[in-house]
């Protein structure tokens, strides 16, 4: 009988096997499918949206996190939102963020 390998126990989706890259992934409709909006990402999004409103003095942001924590995927999400492509967001993502309030 063949021994089970660790690889046989897990099925990791391919979107988690590499980091997002804006130039490569912006035109890929599946690049942020399955994106999970964490509380930290939501707070960063709200701070950025607030800073982009007229008369706001908050114009610089810093988002830090461990390797693999989703910073590049968040940047890809922002790029699509700023480009007006939010209709491509998943229904789950549209539910967890009040995009109209942020605009």
Foldseek 3Di string as FASTA:
>chain_A
DDDDDPVNVDDDDPLQVDADDQVPPLPPLCNCVVPDCDPLLQVQLLLCLVCPDPPHPPDDDDDDDDPSPCPRVSVSVVVCVVVVNCVSDDPVVCVVDVSVVSD
